[in-house]
Amino acid sequence: MNLGELKDWGGPIAVSYGVNAIPAGFLVDSNGCIYKKKIRPAALKEFLVDRYGMDESLEEPGEETEDTPEVSG
């Protein structure tokens, strides 16, 4: 989940979580309690794999080849 704060660094979300830089990563449990602050994507992936095992949603995307269709916007 991504959250945004529209009231600069003094807004209620930024203040309650102690966010003073972007990006700021937090691992939050289902009760809203912070499990780990300043978590980076690699550390998050390692945590999730250790806790729940490897899942296809955690696999790195493969390299594109000439056979891979391009998506245009």
N, C-alpha and C. Protein backbone atom coordinates (compact mmCIF):
# COMPACT_ATOMS: atom_id res chain seq x y z
N MET A 1 0.85 -1.15 0.00
CA MET A 1 0.00 0.00 0.00
C MET A 1 0.90 1.23 0.00
N ASN A 2 0.54 2.21 -0.76
CA ASN A 2 1.25 3.47 -0.77
C ASN A 2 0.36 4.54 -0.17
N LEU A 3 0.92 5.35 0.69
CA LEU A 3 0.18 6.45 1.30
C LEU A 3 0.83 7.77 0.92
N GLY A 4 0.05 8.79 0.87
CA GLY A 4 0.57 10.12 0.60
C GLY A 4 0.11 11.08 1.69
N GLU A 5 0.88 12.10 1.91
CA GLU A 5 0.54 13.11 2.91
C GLU A 5 0.43 14.43 2.19
N LEU A 6 -0.72 15.02 2.25
CA LEU A 6 -0.96 16.27 1.53
C LEU A 6 -0.65 17.51 2.36
N LYS A 7 -0.25 17.33 3.59
CA LYS A 7 0.01 18.48 4.46
C LYS A 7 1.49 18.62 4.81
N ASP A 8 2.34 18.27 3.85
CA ASP A 8 3.77 18.41 4.03
C ASP A 8 4.25 17.51 5.18
N TRP A 9 5.38 17.79 5.75
CA TRP A 9 5.97 16.96 6.80
C TRP A 9 5.25 17.10 8.13
N GLY A 10 4.40 18.11 8.28
CA GLY A 10 3.70 18.33 9.54
C GLY A 10 2.32 17.70 9.59
N GLY A 11 1.92 16.97 8.55
CA GLY A 11 0.61 16.34 8.53
C GLY A 11 0.52 15.18 9.51
N PRO A 12 -0.68 14.75 9.84
CA PRO A 12 -0.86 13.72 10.86
C PRO A 12 -0.22 12.37 10.53
N ILE A 13 -0.25 11.96 9.27
CA ILE A 13 0.36 10.67 8.92
C ILE A 13 1.88 10.75 9.03
N ALA A 14 2.46 11.80 8.45
CA ALA A 14 3.91 11.96 8.51
C ALA A 14 4.40 12.06 9.95
N VAL A 15 3.69 12.80 10.77
CA VAL A 15 4.10 12.97 12.17
C VAL A 15 3.94 11.66 12.94
N SER A 16 2.81 10.97 12.78
CA SER A 16 2.58 9.76 13.57
C SER A 16 3.56 8.64 13.22
N TYR A 17 4.00 8.57 11.96
CA TYR A 17 4.96 7.54 11.57
C TYR A 17 6.41 8.04 11.58
N GLY A 18 6.63 9.30 11.83
CA GLY A 18 7.98 9.83 11.87
C GLY A 18 8.64 9.92 10.50
N VAL A 19 7.85 10.18 9.47
CA VAL A 19 8.38 10.28 8.11
C VAL A 19 8.96 11.66 7.91
N ASN A 20 10.24 11.72 7.53
CA ASN A 20 10.87 13.00 7.24
C ASN A 20 11.70 12.95 5.96
N ALA A 21 11.51 11.90 5.18
CA ALA A 21 12.21 11.77 3.89
C ALA A 21 11.39 10.84 3.00
N ILE A 22 11.60 10.97 1.71
CA ILE A 22 10.92 10.12 0.74
C ILE A 22 11.99 9.42 -0.09
N PRO A 23 11.91 8.12 -0.35
CA PRO A 23 10.88 7.21 0.12
C PRO A 23 11.11 6.80 1.56
N ALA A 24 10.06 6.41 2.24
CA ALA A 24 10.13 5.89 3.60
C ALA A 24 9.36 4.58 3.62
N GLY A 25 10.03 3.49 3.93
CA GLY A 25 9.39 2.17 3.92
C GLY A 25 9.13 1.66 5.32
N PHE A 26 7.93 1.15 5.52
CA PHE A 26 7.53 0.59 6.80
C PHE A 26 6.86 -0.75 6.57
N LEU A 27 7.12 -1.70 7.43
CA LEU A 27 6.42 -2.97 7.42
C LEU A 27 5.43 -2.88 8.57
N VAL A 28 4.13 -2.89 8.23
CA VAL A 28 3.07 -2.68 9.21
C VAL A 28 2.21 -3.93 9.28
N ASP A 29 1.89 -4.37 10.51
CA ASP A 29 1.07 -5.57 10.64
C ASP A 29 -0.41 -5.24 10.46
N SER A 30 -1.25 -6.25 10.54
CA SER A 30 -2.68 -6.08 10.27
C SER A 30 -3.38 -5.21 11.31
N ASN A 31 -2.73 -4.95 12.44
CA ASN A 31 -3.29 -4.07 13.47
C ASN A 31 -2.80 -2.63 13.33
N GLY A 32 -1.96 -2.37 12.32
CA GLY A 32 -1.43 -1.04 12.11
C GLY A 32 -0.18 -0.74 12.92
N CYS A 33 0.37 -1.75 13.58
CA CYS A 33 1.59 -1.56 14.38
C CYS A 33 2.81 -1.71 13.47
N ILE A 34 3.77 -0.83 13.67
CA ILE A 34 4.99 -0.88 12.86
C ILE A 34 5.86 -2.04 13.32
N TYR A 35 6.17 -2.93 12.38
CA TYR A 35 7.04 -4.07 12.65
C TYR A 35 8.49 -3.69 12.39
N LYS A 36 8.74 -2.94 11.32
CA LYS A 36 10.09 -2.51 10.96
C LYS A 36 10.03 -1.20 10.19
N LYS A 37 10.92 -0.27 10.54
CA LYS A 37 11.03 1.02 9.85
C LYS A 37 12.20 0.99 8.88
N LYS A 38 12.14 1.88 7.91
CA LYS A 38 13.22 2.06 6.93
C LYS A 38 13.56 0.76 6.21
N ILE A 39 12.55 -0.01 5.87
CA ILE A 39 12.79 -1.28 5.18
C ILE A 39 12.90 -1.02 3.68
N ARG A 40 13.91 -1.58 3.08
CA ARG A 40 14.15 -1.45 1.65
C ARG A 40 13.53 -2.65 0.92
N PRO A 41 13.28 -2.53 -0.37
CA PRO A 41 12.64 -3.62 -1.11
C PRO A 41 13.33 -4.97 -0.97
N ALA A 42 14.65 -5.01 -1.02
CA ALA A 42 15.36 -6.30 -0.90
C ALA A 42 15.14 -6.92 0.47
N ALA A 43 15.17 -6.10 1.50
CA ALA A 43 14.96 -6.61 2.87
C ALA A 43 13.51 -7.05 3.05
N LEU A 44 12.58 -6.34 2.45
CA LEU A 44 11.17 -6.72 2.52
C LEU A 44 10.96 -8.07 1.84
N LYS A 45 11.56 -8.24 0.67
CA LYS A 45 11.43 -9.52 -0.04
C LYS A 45 12.02 -10.65 0.80
N GLU A 46 13.19 -10.44 1.38
CA GLU A 46 13.82 -11.46 2.22
C GLU A 46 12.92 -11.82 3.40
N PHE A 47 12.33 -10.82 4.05
CA PHE A 47 11.42 -11.05 5.17
C PHE A 47 10.23 -11.89 4.73
N LEU A 48 9.61 -11.51 3.60
CA LEU A 48 8.42 -12.21 3.12
C LEU A 48 8.73 -13.65 2.73
N VAL A 49 9.87 -13.88 2.08
CA VAL A 49 10.26 -15.24 1.69
C VAL A 49 10.54 -16.07 2.94
N ASP A 50 11.26 -15.50 3.91
CA ASP A 50 11.55 -16.23 5.15
C ASP A 50 10.26 -16.59 5.89
N ARG A 51 9.32 -15.69 5.90
CA ARG A 51 8.08 -15.88 6.67
C ARG A 51 7.05 -16.75 5.95
N TYR A 52 6.89 -16.52 4.65
CA TYR A 52 5.81 -17.17 3.92
C TYR A 52 6.26 -18.10 2.79
N GLY A 53 7.55 -18.10 2.49
CA GLY A 53 8.05 -18.90 1.37
C GLY A 53 7.99 -18.09 0.08
N MET A 54 8.64 -18.62 -0.94
CA MET A 54 8.69 -17.94 -2.23
C MET A 54 7.34 -18.05 -2.92
N ASP A 55 6.94 -16.98 -3.54
CA ASP A 55 5.67 -16.91 -4.25
C ASP A 55 5.94 -16.27 -5.60
N GLU A 56 5.16 -16.62 -6.60
CA GLU A 56 5.40 -16.06 -7.94
C GLU A 56 5.30 -14.54 -7.95
N SER A 57 4.54 -13.95 -7.03
CA SER A 57 4.43 -12.49 -7.00
C SER A 57 5.72 -11.83 -6.53
N LEU A 58 6.63 -12.60 -5.94
CA LEU A 58 7.91 -12.05 -5.48
C LEU A 58 9.04 -12.27 -6.47
N GLU A 59 8.76 -13.02 -7.53
CA GLU A 59 9.81 -13.29 -8.51
C GLU A 59 10.11 -12.05 -9.32
N GLU A 60 11.38 -11.89 -9.65
CA GLU A 60 11.81 -10.75 -10.47
C GLU A 60 11.30 -10.94 -11.89
N PRO A 61 10.87 -9.87 -12.53
CA PRO A 61 10.44 -10.01 -13.93
C PRO A 61 11.63 -10.41 -14.81
N GLY A 62 11.35 -11.25 -15.79
CA GLY A 62 12.41 -11.70 -16.69
C GLY A 62 12.78 -10.60 -17.66
N GLU A 63 13.91 -10.79 -18.32
CA GLU A 63 14.34 -9.82 -19.32
C GLU A 63 13.43 -9.88 -20.53
N GLU A 64 13.18 -8.74 -21.13
CA GLU A 64 12.35 -8.71 -22.32
C GLU A 64 13.16 -9.23 -23.51
N THR A 65 12.49 -9.98 -24.37
CA THR A 65 13.13 -10.48 -25.57
C THR A 65 12.39 -9.90 -26.76
N GLU A 66 12.91 -10.19 -27.93
CA GLU A 66 12.25 -9.71 -29.14
C GLU A 66 10.86 -10.33 -29.30
N ASP A 67 10.65 -11.48 -28.69
CA ASP A 67 9.35 -12.16 -28.78
C ASP A 67 8.32 -11.55 -27.83
N THR A 68 8.78 -10.74 -26.88
CA THR A 68 7.89 -10.14 -25.90
C THR A 68 7.14 -8.97 -26.53
N PRO A 69 5.81 -9.03 -26.54
CA PRO A 69 5.07 -7.91 -27.15
C PRO A 69 5.21 -6.64 -26.31
N GLU A 70 5.30 -5.51 -26.98
CA GLU A 70 5.40 -4.24 -26.29
C GLU A 70 4.01 -3.72 -26.01
N VAL A 71 3.89 -3.01 -24.90
CA VAL A 71 2.63 -2.40 -24.54
C VAL A 71 2.79 -0.91 -24.73
N SER A 72 1.87 -0.31 -25.46
CA SER A 72 1.96 1.13 -25.66
C SER A 72 0.86 1.80 -24.88
N GLY A 73 1.14 3.02 -24.44
CA GLY A 73 0.17 3.73 -23.62
C GLY A 73 -0.45 4.76 -24.38
